[in-house]
PDB file of N, CA and C in Angstrom:
ATOM      1  N   MET A   1       5.173  13.267   0.201  1.00  0.00           N
ATOM      2  CA  MET A   1       5.872  12.323   0.817  1.00  0.00           C
ATOM      3  C   MET A   1       4.801  11.127   0.216  1.00  0.00           C
ATOM      4  N   PHE A   2       5.537   9.921  -0.242  1.00  0.00           N
ATOM      5  CA  PHE A   2       4.698   8.824  -0.577  1.00  0.00           C
ATOM      6  C   PHE A   2       4.856   7.745   0.348  1.00  0.00           C
ATOM      7  N   ILE A   3       3.805   6.892   0.670  1.00  0.00           N
ATOM      8  CA  ILE A   3       3.814   5.758   1.507  1.00  0.00           C
ATOM      9  C   ILE A   3       3.639   4.562   0.669  1.00  0.00           C
ATOM     10  N   GLU A   4       4.526   3.549   0.777  1.00  0.00           N
ATOM     11  CA  GLU A   4       4.261   2.015   0.145  1.00  0.00           C
ATOM     12  C   GLU A   4       3.809   1.455   1.214  1.00  0.00           C
ATOM     13  N   LEU A   5       2.620   0.593   1.174  1.00  0.00           N
ATOM     14  CA  LEU A   5       2.058  -0.262   2.225  1.00  0.00           C
ATOM     15  C   LEU A   5       2.178  -1.708   1.922  1.00  0.00           C
ATOM     16  N   LEU A   6       2.732  -2.604   2.444  1.00  0.00           N
ATOM     17  CA  LEU A   6       2.856  -4.005   2.065  1.00  0.00           C
ATOM     18  C   LEU A   6       2.396  -4.848   3.367  1.00  0.00           C
ATOM     19  N   LYS A   7       1.409  -5.549   3.212  1.00  0.00           N
ATOM     20  CA  LYS A   7       0.722  -6.367   4.282  1.00  0.00           C
ATOM     21  C   LYS A   7       1.050  -7.827   3.681  1.00  0.00           C
ATOM     22  N   PHE A   8       1.777  -8.766   4.733  1.00  0.00           N
ATOM     23  CA  PHE A   8       2.000  -9.929   4.582  1.00  0.00           C
ATOM     24  C   PHE A   8       1.476 -10.795   5.675  1.00  0.00           C
ATOM     25  N   LYS A   9       1.221 -12.173   5.069  1.00  0.00           N
ATOM     26  CA  LYS A   9       0.970 -13.375   6.187  1.00  0.00           C
ATOM     27  C   LYS A   9       2.148 -14.087   5.971  1.00  0.00           C
ATOM     28  N   VAL A  10       2.704 -14.265   7.408  1.00  0.00           N
ATOM     29  CA  VAL A  10       3.780 -15.310   7.607  1.00  0.00           C
ATOM     30  C   VAL A  10       3.294 -16.477   8.502  1.00  0.00           C
ATOM     31  N   ALA A  11       4.145 -17.468   8.583  1.00  0.00           N
ATOM     32  CA  ALA A  11       4.068 -18.579   9.624  1.00  0.00           C
ATOM     33  C   ALA A  11       4.652 -17.946  10.949  1.00  0.00           C
ATOM     34  N   PRO A  12       3.656 -18.017  12.162  1.00  0.00           N
ATOM     35  CA  PRO A  12       3.964 -17.181  13.152  1.00  0.00           C
ATOM     36  C   PRO A  12       5.410 -17.698  13.863  1.00  0.00           C
ATOM     37  N   ASP A  13       5.855 -18.557  13.768  1.00  0.00           N
ATOM     38  CA  ASP A  13       7.210 -18.997  14.180  1.00  0.00           C
ATOM     39  C   ASP A  13       8.258 -18.476  13.309  1.00  0.00           C
ATOM     40  N   LEU A  14       7.836 -17.946  12.216  1.00  0.00           N
ATOM     41  CA  LEU A  14       8.980 -17.246  11.280  1.00  0.00           C
ATOM     42  C   LEU A  14       8.806 -15.774  11.308  1.00  0.00           C
ATOM     43  N   ARG A  15       7.856 -15.068  11.940  1.00  0.00           N
ATOM     44  CA  ARG A  15       7.609 -13.673  12.010  1.00  0.00           C
ATOM     45  C   ARG A  15       8.968 -12.918  12.224  1.00  0.00           C
ATOM     46  N   GLU A  16       9.530 -13.263  13.098  1.00  0.00           N
ATOM     47  CA  GLU A  16      10.710 -12.539  13.708  1.00  0.00           C
ATOM     48  C   GLU A  16      11.903 -12.567  12.701  1.00  0.00           C
ATOM     49  N   TYR A  17      11.917 -13.895  12.183  1.00  0.00           N
ATOM     50  CA  TYR A  17      12.956 -14.283  11.045  1.00  0.00           C
ATOM     51  C   TYR A  17      12.712 -13.361   9.959  1.00  0.00           C
ATOM     52  N   PHE A  18      11.479 -13.424   9.634  1.00  0.00           N
ATOM     53  CA  PHE A  18      10.853 -12.609   8.356  1.00  0.00           C
ATOM     54  C   PHE A  18      11.356 -11.096   8.369  1.00  0.00           C
ATOM     55  N   ILE A  19      11.067 -10.505   9.831  1.00  0.00           N
ATOM     56  CA  ILE A  19      11.323  -8.903   9.837  1.00  0.00           C
ATOM     57  C   ILE A  19      12.859  -8.859   9.901  1.00  0.00           C
ATOM     58  N   GLN A  20      13.641  -9.858  10.476  1.00  0.00           N
ATOM     59  CA  GLN A  20      15.083  -9.686  10.376  1.00  0.00           C
ATOM     60  C   GLN A  20      15.604  -9.644   9.097  1.00  0.00           C
ATOM     61  N   LYS A  21      15.190 -10.616   8.315  1.00  0.00           N
ATOM     62  CA  LYS A  21      15.521 -10.778   6.840  1.00  0.00           C
ATOM     63  C   LYS A  21      15.189  -9.511   5.769  1.00  0.00           C
ATOM     64  N   ASP A  22      13.977  -9.173   6.127  1.00  0.00           N
ATOM     65  CA  ASP A  22      13.404  -8.134   5.577  1.00  0.00           C
ATOM     66  C   ASP A  22      14.662  -6.608   5.710  1.00  0.00           C
ATOM     67  N   ALA A  23      14.860  -6.636   7.083  1.00  0.00           N
ATOM     68  CA  ALA A  23      15.714  -5.598   7.346  1.00  0.00           C
ATOM     69  C   ALA A  23      17.121  -5.554   6.506  1.00  0.00           C
ATOM     70  N   GLN A  24      17.474  -6.841   6.583  1.00  0.00           N
ATOM     71  CA  GLN A  24      18.934  -7.134   6.216  1.00  0.00           C
ATOM     72  C   GLN A  24      18.840  -7.128   4.847  1.00  0.00           C
ATOM     73  N   ILE A  25      18.003  -7.478   3.932  1.00  0.00           N
ATOM     74  CA  ILE A  25      18.093  -7.548   2.441  1.00  0.00           C
ATOM     75  C   ILE A  25      17.139  -6.438   1.867  1.00  0.00           C
ATOM     76  N   TRP A  26      15.826  -6.038   2.062  1.00  0.00           N
ATOM     77  CA  TRP A  26      15.030  -5.060   1.411  1.00  0.00           C
ATOM     78  C   TRP A  26      15.668  -3.647   1.972  1.00  0.00           C
ATOM     79  N   THR A  27      15.516  -3.649   3.327  1.00  0.00           N
ATOM     80  CA  THR A  27      15.943  -2.270   3.737  1.00  0.00           C
ATOM     81  C   THR A  27      17.269  -1.627   3.398  1.00  0.00           C
ATOM     82  N   THR A  28      18.087  -2.490   3.645  1.00  0.00           N
ATOM     83  CA  THR A  28      19.437  -2.294   3.244  1.00  0.00           C
ATOM     84  C   THR A  28      19.548  -1.819   1.664  1.00  0.00           C
ATOM     85  N   ALA A  29      19.013  -2.541   0.872  1.00  0.00           N
ATOM     86  CA  ALA A  29      19.065  -2.326  -0.655  1.00  0.00           C
ATOM     87  C   ALA A  29      18.339  -0.983  -0.819  1.00  0.00           C
ATOM     88  N   LEU A  30      17.292  -0.808  -0.405  1.00  0.00           N
ATOM     89  CA  LEU A  30      16.507   0.437  -0.629  1.00  0.00           C
ATOM     90  C   LEU A  30      17.035   1.732  -0.138  1.00  0.00           C
ATOM     91  N   ALA A  31      17.617   1.419   1.035  1.00  0.00           N
ATOM     92  CA  ALA A  31      18.297   2.464   1.487  1.00  0.00           C
ATOM     93  C   ALA A  31      19.574   3.411   0.639  1.00  0.00           C
ATOM     94  N   GLU A  32      19.889   2.435  -0.298  1.00  0.00           N
ATOM     95  CA  GLU A  32      21.029   3.151  -1.314  1.00  0.00           C
ATOM     96  C   GLU A  32      20.190   4.076  -2.080  1.00  0.00           C
ATOM     97  N   TYR A  33      19.026   3.936  -2.421  1.00  0.00           N
ATOM     98  CA  TYR A  33      18.208   4.983  -3.218  1.00  0.00           C
ATOM     99  C   TYR A  33      17.984   6.323  -2.954  1.00  0.00           C
ATOM    100  N   PRO A  34      17.984   7.273  -3.521  1.00  0.00           N
ATOM    101  CA  PRO A  34      17.639   8.667  -3.152  1.00  0.00           C
ATOM    102  C   PRO A  34      15.977   8.758  -3.035  1.00  0.00           C
ATOM    103  N   GLY A  35      15.807   9.499  -2.224  1.00  0.00           N
ATOM    104  CA  GLY A  35      14.322   9.276  -1.860  1.00  0.00           C
ATOM    105  C   GLY A  35      13.667   8.477  -0.633  1.00  0.00           C
ATOM    106  N   PHE A  36      14.660   7.425  -0.416  1.00  0.00           N
ATOM    107  CA  PHE A  36      14.123   6.468   0.865  1.00  0.00           C
ATOM    108  C   PHE A  36      14.207   7.159   1.970  1.00  0.00           C
ATOM    109  N   LEU A  37      13.157   7.256   2.766  1.00  0.00           N
ATOM    110  CA  LEU A  37      13.038   7.906   4.083  1.00  0.00           C
ATOM    111  C   LEU A  37      13.014   6.970   5.284  1.00  0.00           C
ATOM    112  N   GLY A  38      12.779   5.980   5.071  1.00  0.00           N
ATOM    113  CA  GLY A  38      12.813   4.932   6.119  1.00  0.00           C
ATOM    114  C   GLY A  38      11.490   3.744   5.903  1.00  0.00           C
ATOM    115  N   LYS A  39      11.436   2.968   6.752  1.00  0.00           N
ATOM    116  CA  LYS A  39      10.712   1.991   6.961  1.00  0.00           C
ATOM    117  C   LYS A  39      10.132   1.534   8.360  1.00  0.00           C
ATOM    118  N   GLU A  40       8.909   1.467   8.456  1.00  0.00           N
ATOM    119  CA  GLU A  40       8.474   0.975   9.804  1.00  0.00           C
ATOM    120  C   GLU A  40       7.745  -0.421   9.556  1.00  0.00           C
ATOM    121  N   VAL A  41       7.938  -1.288  10.656  1.00  0.00           N
ATOM    122  CA  VAL A  41       7.179  -2.651  10.839  1.00  0.00           C
ATOM    123  C   VAL A  41       6.447  -2.603  11.833  1.00  0.00           C
ATOM    124  N   TRP A  42       5.092  -2.919  11.489  1.00  0.00           N
ATOM    125  CA  TRP A  42       3.862  -2.876  12.110  1.00  0.00           C
ATOM    126  C   TRP A  42       3.379  -4.462  12.365  1.00  0.00           C
ATOM    127  N   ILE A  43       3.339  -4.729  13.535  1.00  0.00           N
ATOM    128  CA  ILE A  43       3.069  -6.085  13.873  1.00  0.00           C
ATOM    129  C   ILE A  43       1.694  -6.262  15.138  1.00  0.00           C
ATOM    130  N   SER A  44       1.039  -7.084  14.799  1.00  0.00           N
ATOM    131  CA  SER A  44      -0.165  -7.018  15.635  1.00  0.00           C
ATOM    132  C   SER A  44      -0.112  -8.196  16.869  1.00  0.00           C
ATOM    133  N   PRO A  45      -0.322  -7.495  17.878  1.00  0.00           N
ATOM    134  CA  PRO A  45      -0.159  -8.389  19.244  1.00  0.00           C
ATOM    135  C   PRO A  45      -1.120  -9.513  19.408  1.00  0.00           C
ATOM    136  N   ASN A  46      -2.459  -9.422  18.474  1.00  0.00           N
ATOM    137  CA  ASN A  46      -3.267 -10.530  18.235  1.00  0.00           C
ATOM    138  C   ASN A  46      -3.307 -11.375  17.048  1.00  0.00           C
ATOM    139  N   ASP A  47      -2.250 -10.961  16.216  1.00  0.00           N
ATOM    140  CA  ASP A  47      -2.292 -12.094  14.947  1.00  0.00           C
ATOM    141  C   ASP A  47      -0.797 -12.054  14.650  1.00  0.00           C
ATOM    142  N   TYR A  48      -0.230 -13.312  14.975  1.00  0.00           N
ATOM    143  CA  TYR A  48       1.202 -13.411  14.870  1.00  0.00           C
ATOM    144  C   TYR A  48       1.571 -13.838  13.584  1.00  0.00           C
ATOM    145  N   THR A  49       0.589 -13.866  12.445  1.00  0.00           N
ATOM    146  CA  THR A  49       0.864 -14.343  11.100  1.00  0.00           C
ATOM    147  C   THR A  49       0.840 -12.814  10.118  1.00  0.00           C
ATOM    148  N   GLU A  50       0.525 -11.648  11.075  1.00  0.00           N
ATOM    149  CA  GLU A  50       0.513 -10.665   9.863  1.00  0.00           C
ATOM    150  C   GLU A  50       1.650  -9.612  10.327  1.00  0.00           C
ATOM    151  N   VAL A  51       2.330  -9.137   9.252  1.00  0.00           N
ATOM    152  CA  VAL A  51       3.233  -8.185   9.337  1.00  0.00           C
ATOM    153  C   VAL A  51       3.020  -7.244   8.315  1.00  0.00           C
ATOM    154  N   ILE A  52       2.878  -5.758   8.539  1.00  0.00           N
ATOM    155  CA  ILE A  52       2.763  -4.891   7.830  1.00  0.00           C
ATOM    156  C   ILE A  52       3.862  -3.714   7.651  1.00  0.00           C
ATOM    157  N   LEU A  53       4.431  -3.565   6.527  1.00  0.00           N
ATOM    158  CA  LEU A  53       5.766  -2.750   6.114  1.00  0.00           C
ATOM    159  C   LEU A  53       5.075  -1.458   5.595  1.00  0.00           C
ATOM    160  N   ILE A  54       5.500  -0.317   6.109  1.00  0.00           N
ATOM    161  CA  ILE A  54       5.338   1.079   5.922  1.00  0.00           C
ATOM    162  C   ILE A  54       6.554   1.703   5.219  1.00  0.00           C
ATOM    163  N   ILE A  55       6.690   1.953   4.080  1.00  0.00           N
ATOM    164  CA  ILE A  55       8.057   2.209   3.556  1.00  0.00           C
ATOM    165  C   ILE A  55       7.689   3.906   3.079  1.00  0.00           C
ATOM    166  N   ARG A  56       8.543   4.611   3.483  1.00  0.00           N
ATOM    167  CA  ARG A  56       8.354   6.175   3.406  1.00  0.00           C
ATOM    168  C   ARG A  56       9.312   6.747   2.160  1.00  0.00           C
ATOM    169  N   TRP A  57       8.753   7.288   0.997  1.00  0.00           N
ATOM    170  CA  TRP A  57       9.659   7.945   0.006  1.00  0.00           C
ATOM    171  C   TRP A  57       9.376   9.221  -0.207  1.00  0.00           C
ATOM    172  N   ALA A  58      10.393  10.093  -0.563  1.00  0.00           N
ATOM    173  CA  ALA A  58      10.407  11.645  -0.639  1.00  0.00           C
ATOM    174  C   ALA A  58       9.333  11.680  -1.880  1.00  0.00           C
ATOM    175  N   THR A  59       9.511  11.178  -2.925  1.00  0.00           N
ATOM    176  CA  THR A  59       8.815  11.584  -4.097  1.00  0.00           C
ATOM    177  C   THR A  59       8.394  10.206  -5.040  1.00  0.00           C
ATOM    178  N   LEU A  60       7.395  10.107  -5.509  1.00  0.00           N
ATOM    179  CA  LEU A  60       6.982   9.007  -6.259  1.00  0.00           C
ATOM    180  C   LEU A  60       7.922   8.674  -7.338  1.00  0.00           C
ATOM    181  N   GLU A  61       8.433   9.711  -8.127  1.00  0.00           N
ATOM    182  CA  GLU A  61       9.333   9.788  -9.082  1.00  0.00           C
ATOM    183  C   GLU A  61      10.798   8.968  -8.522  1.00  0.00           C
ATOM    184  N   GLN A  62      11.160   9.218  -7.242  1.00  0.00           N
ATOM    185  CA  GLN A  62      12.281   8.539  -6.717  1.00  0.00           C
ATOM    186  C   GLN A  62      12.247   7.063  -6.492  1.00  0.00           C
ATOM    187  N   TRP A  63      11.050   6.906  -5.837  1.00  0.00           N
ATOM    188  CA  TRP A  63      10.645   5.448  -5.622  1.00  0.00           C
ATOM    189  C   TRP A  63      10.356   4.711  -6.778  1.00  0.00           C
ATOM    190  N   LYS A  64       9.886   5.197  -7.867  1.00  0.00           N
ATOM    191  CA  LYS A  64       9.456   4.401  -9.110  1.00  0.00           C
ATOM    192  C   LYS A  64      10.755   4.293 -10.111  1.00  0.00           C
ATOM    193  N   ALA A  65      11.773   5.226  -9.759  1.00  0.00           N
ATOM    194  CA  ALA A  65      13.072   5.347 -10.656  1.00  0.00           C
ATOM    195  C   ALA A  65      13.946   4.003 -10.266  1.00  0.00           C
ATOM    196  N   ILE A  66      13.578   3.167  -9.196  1.00  0.00           N
ATOM    197  CA  ILE A  66      14.369   1.978  -8.785  1.00  0.00           C
ATOM    198  C   ILE A  66      14.279   0.930  -9.951  1.00  0.00           C
ATOM    199  N   PRO A  67      15.401   0.596 -10.634  1.00  0.00           N
ATOM    200  CA  PRO A  67      15.372  -0.496 -11.874  1.00  0.00           C
ATOM    201  C   PRO A  67      14.695  -1.801 -11.534  1.00  0.00           C
ATOM    202  N   GLN A  68      13.636  -2.034 -12.256  1.00  0.00           N
ATOM    203  CA  GLN A  68      12.877  -3.373 -11.964  1.00  0.00           C
ATOM    204  C   GLN A  68      13.916  -4.559 -11.846  1.00  0.00           C
ATOM    205  N   ALA A  69      14.912  -4.578 -12.397  1.00  0.00           N
ATOM    206  CA  ALA A  69      15.797  -5.740 -12.550  1.00  0.00           C
ATOM    207  C   ALA A  69      16.559  -5.608 -11.059  1.00  0.00           C
ATOM    208  N   HIS A  70      16.827  -4.654 -10.604  1.00  0.00           N
ATOM    209  CA  HIS A  70      17.216  -4.609  -9.219  1.00  0.00           C
ATOM    210  C   HIS A  70      16.347  -5.010  -8.350  1.00  0.00           C
ATOM    211  N   LEU A  71      15.029  -4.565  -8.439  1.00  0.00           N
ATOM    212  CA  LEU A  71      14.061  -5.164  -7.360  1.00  0.00           C
ATOM    213  C   LEU A  71      13.861  -6.441  -7.557  1.00  0.00           C
ATOM    214  N   GLN A  72      13.903  -7.081  -8.738  1.00  0.00           N
ATOM    215  CA  GLN A  72      13.757  -8.508  -8.782  1.00  0.00           C
ATOM    216  C   GLN A  72      14.840  -9.341  -8.226  1.00  0.00           C
ATOM    217  N   THR A  73      15.968  -8.656  -8.260  1.00  0.00           N
ATOM    218  CA  THR A  73      17.212  -9.454  -7.664  1.00  0.00           C
ATOM    219  C   THR A  73      16.997  -9.404  -6.225  1.00  0.00           C
ATOM    220  N   ILE A  74      16.522  -8.312  -5.498  1.00  0.00           N
ATOM    221  CA  ILE A  74      16.364  -8.136  -4.151  1.00  0.00           C
ATOM    222  C   ILE A  74      15.389  -9.188  -3.700  1.00  0.00           C
ATOM    223  N   GLU A  75      14.183  -9.302  -4.454  1.00  0.00           N
ATOM    224  CA  GLU A  75      13.205 -10.093  -4.285  1.00  0.00           C
ATOM    225  C   GLU A  75      13.704 -11.647  -4.377  1.00  0.00           C
ATOM    226  N   ASP A  76      14.648 -11.671  -5.236  1.00  0.00           N
ATOM    227  CA  ASP A  76      15.117 -13.350  -5.544  1.00  0.00           C
ATOM    228  C   ASP A  76      15.826 -13.853  -4.165  1.00  0.00           C
ATOM    229  N   ASN A  77      16.779 -12.811  -3.584  1.00  0.00           N
ATOM    230  CA  ASN A  77      17.477 -13.147  -2.439  1.00  0.00           C
ATOM    231  C   ASN A  77      16.538 -13.156  -1.270  1.00  0.00           C
ATOM    232  N   PHE A  78      15.395 -12.680  -1.315  1.00  0.00           N
ATOM    233  CA  PHE A  78      14.616 -12.675   0.068  1.00  0.00           C
ATOM    234  C   PHE A  78      13.825 -13.765  -0.225  1.00  0.00           C
ATOM    235  N   ILE A  79      13.356 -14.336  -1.392  1.00  0.00           N
ATOM    236  CA  ILE A  79      12.694 -15.396  -1.476  1.00  0.00           C
ATOM    237  C   ILE A  79      13.567 -16.654  -0.931  1.00  0.00           C
ATOM    238  N   GLN A  80      14.886 -16.700  -1.466  1.00  0.00           N
ATOM    239  CA  GLN A  80      15.964 -17.513  -1.193  1.00  0.00           C
ATOM    240  C   GLN A  80      16.189 -17.792   0.240  1.00  0.00           C
ATOM    241  N   ALA A  81      15.978 -16.497   1.008  1.00  0.00           N
ATOM    242  CA  ALA A  81      16.177 -16.488   2.476  1.00  0.00           C
ATOM    243  C   ALA A  81      15.026 -17.207   3.270  1.00  0.00           C
ATOM    244  N   LEU A  82      13.913 -16.958   2.723  1.00  0.00           N
ATOM    245  CA  LEU A  82      12.684 -17.128   3.329  1.00  0.00           C
ATOM    246  C   LEU A  82      12.075 -18.521   2.727  1.00  0.00           C
ATOM    247  N   ARG A  83      12.326 -19.020   1.779  1.00  0.00           N
ATOM    248  CA  ARG A  83      11.906 -20.261   0.908  1.00  0.00           C
ATOM    249  C   ARG A  83      10.371 -20.144   0.867  1.00  0.00           C
ATOM    250  N   GLU A  84      10.028 -18.875   0.329  1.00  0.00           N
ATOM    251  CA  GLU A  84       8.395 -18.692   0.171  1.00  0.00           C
ATOM    252  C   GLU A  84       7.529 -19.031   1.302  1.00  0.00           C
ATOM    253  N   SER A  85       8.067 -18.567   2.498  1.00  0.00           N
ATOM    254  CA  SER A  85       7.207 -18.899   3.583  1.00  0.00           C
ATOM    255  C   SER A  85       6.251 -17.692   4.156  1.00  0.00           C
ATOM    256  N   TYR A  86       6.080 -16.874   3.221  1.00  0.00           N
ATOM    257  CA  TYR A  86       5.392 -15.566   3.380  1.00  0.00           C
ATOM    258  C   TYR A  86       4.175 -15.494   2.064  1.00  0.00           C
ATOM    259  N   LEU A  87       3.286 -14.579   2.483  1.00  0.00           N
ATOM    260  CA  LEU A  87       2.397 -14.554   1.188  1.00  0.00           C
ATOM    261  C   LEU A  87       2.039 -12.818   1.349  1.00  0.00           C
ATOM    262  N   ILE A  88       2.194 -11.845   0.225  1.00  0.00           N
ATOM    263  CA  ILE A  88       1.800 -10.742   0.125  1.00  0.00           C
ATOM    264  C   ILE A  88       0.272 -10.746   0.102  1.00  0.00           C
ATOM    265  N   VAL A  89      -0.513 -10.142   1.112  1.00  0.00           N
ATOM    266  CA  VAL A  89      -1.994 -10.170   0.830  1.00  0.00           C
ATOM    267  C   VAL A  89      -2.496  -8.738   0.710  1.00  0.00           C
ATOM    268  N   ASP A  90      -1.672  -7.675   0.611  1.00  0.00           N
ATOM    269  CA  ASP A  90      -2.120  -6.301   0.166  1.00  0.00           C
ATOM    270  C   ASP A  90      -1.319  -5.477   0.047  1.00  0.00           C
ATOM    271  N   SER A  91      -1.202  -4.436  -0.734  1.00  0.00           N
ATOM    272  CA  SER A  91      -0.466  -3.558  -1.092  1.00  0.00           C
ATOM    273  C   SER A  91      -0.972  -2.164  -1.453  1.00  0.00           C
ATOM    274  N   GLY A  92      -0.413  -1.206  -1.257  1.00  0.00           N
ATOM    275  CA  GLY A  92      -0.984   0.018  -1.807  1.00  0.00           C
ATOM    276  C   GLY A  92       0.050   1.248  -1.680  1.00  0.00           C
ATOM    277  N   GLU A  93      -0.274   2.245  -2.390  1.00  0.00           N
ATOM    278  CA  GLU A  93       0.467   3.652  -2.578  1.00  0.00           C
ATOM    279  C   GLU A  93      -0.316   4.519  -2.157  1.00  0.00           C
ATOM    280  N   TYR A  94       0.373   5.553  -1.253  1.00  0.00           N
ATOM    281  CA  TYR A  94      -0.282   6.635  -0.721  1.00  0.00           C
ATOM    282  C   TYR A  94       0.180   7.725  -0.734  1.00  0.00           C
ATOM    283  N   GLN A  95      -0.213   9.037  -0.951  1.00  0.00           N
ATOM    284  CA  GLN A  95       0.256  10.187  -0.645  1.00  0.00           C
ATOM    285  C   GLN A  95      -0.060  10.977   0.660  1.00  0.00           C
ATOM    286  N   VAL A  96       0.919  11.450   1.197  1.00  0.00           N
ATOM    287  CA  VAL A  96       0.718  12.164   2.482  1.00  0.00           C
ATOM    288  C   VAL A  96       0.208  13.377   2.215  1.00  0.00           C
ATOM    289  N   ARG A  97      -0.853  13.931   2.822  1.00  0.00           N
ATOM    290  CA  ARG A  97      -1.363  15.165   2.600  1.00  0.00           C
ATOM    291  C   ARG A  97      -1.485  16.029   3.907  1.00  0.00           C
ATOM    292  N   LYS A  98      -1.079  17.193   4.039  1.00  0.00           N
ATOM    293  CA  LYS A  98      -0.929  17.922   5.171  1.00  0.00           C
ATOM    294  C   LYS A  98      -1.805  19.206   4.949  1.00  0.00           C
ATOM    295  N   PHE A  99      -2.696  19.570   6.087  1.00  0.00           N
ATOM    296  CA  PHE A  99      -3.631  20.534   5.973  1.00  0.00           C
ATOM    297  C   PHE A  99      -2.878  21.559   7.071  1.00  0.00           C
ATOM    298  N   PRO A 100      -3.031  22.796   6.509  1.00  0.00           N
ATOM    299  CA  PRO A 100      -2.987  23.930   7.821  1.00  0.00           C
ATOM    300  C   PRO A 100      -4.059  23.698   8.842  1.00  0.00           C
ATOM    301  N   HIS A 101      -3.382  24.027  10.033  1.00  0.00           N
ATOM    302  CA  HIS A 101      -4.305  24.028  11.435  1.00  0.00           C
ATOM    303  C   HIS A 101      -5.108  25.421  11.212  1.00  0.00           C
ATOM    304  N   SER A 102      -6.484  25.416  11.456  1.00  0.00           N
ATOM    305  CA  SER A 102      -7.053  26.546  11.479  1.00  0.00           C
ATOM    306  C   SER A 102      -7.430  27.292  13.052  1.00  0.00           C
TER     307      SER A 102
END
């Protein structure tokens, strides 16, 4: 399994709206693709400007097979909804490793 981690800064008064629009626009679109396993939204109880998204993918190949043009269309829709009131401050790709219990 592969993890896509995205960390955003948003205006504190727009955090819930950001989360709702992300679910409506991004999650709905990504759920159409094979390999999409789900998404978690992490929010800080101490920092209302921080939103972290954890997106789970079955394989790296399935994740990276999403056409760039479709990703751009989704992003354009998201920008239009949010009016660029957010900033991505960190991103990363991780592979989940499991070890046998001894």
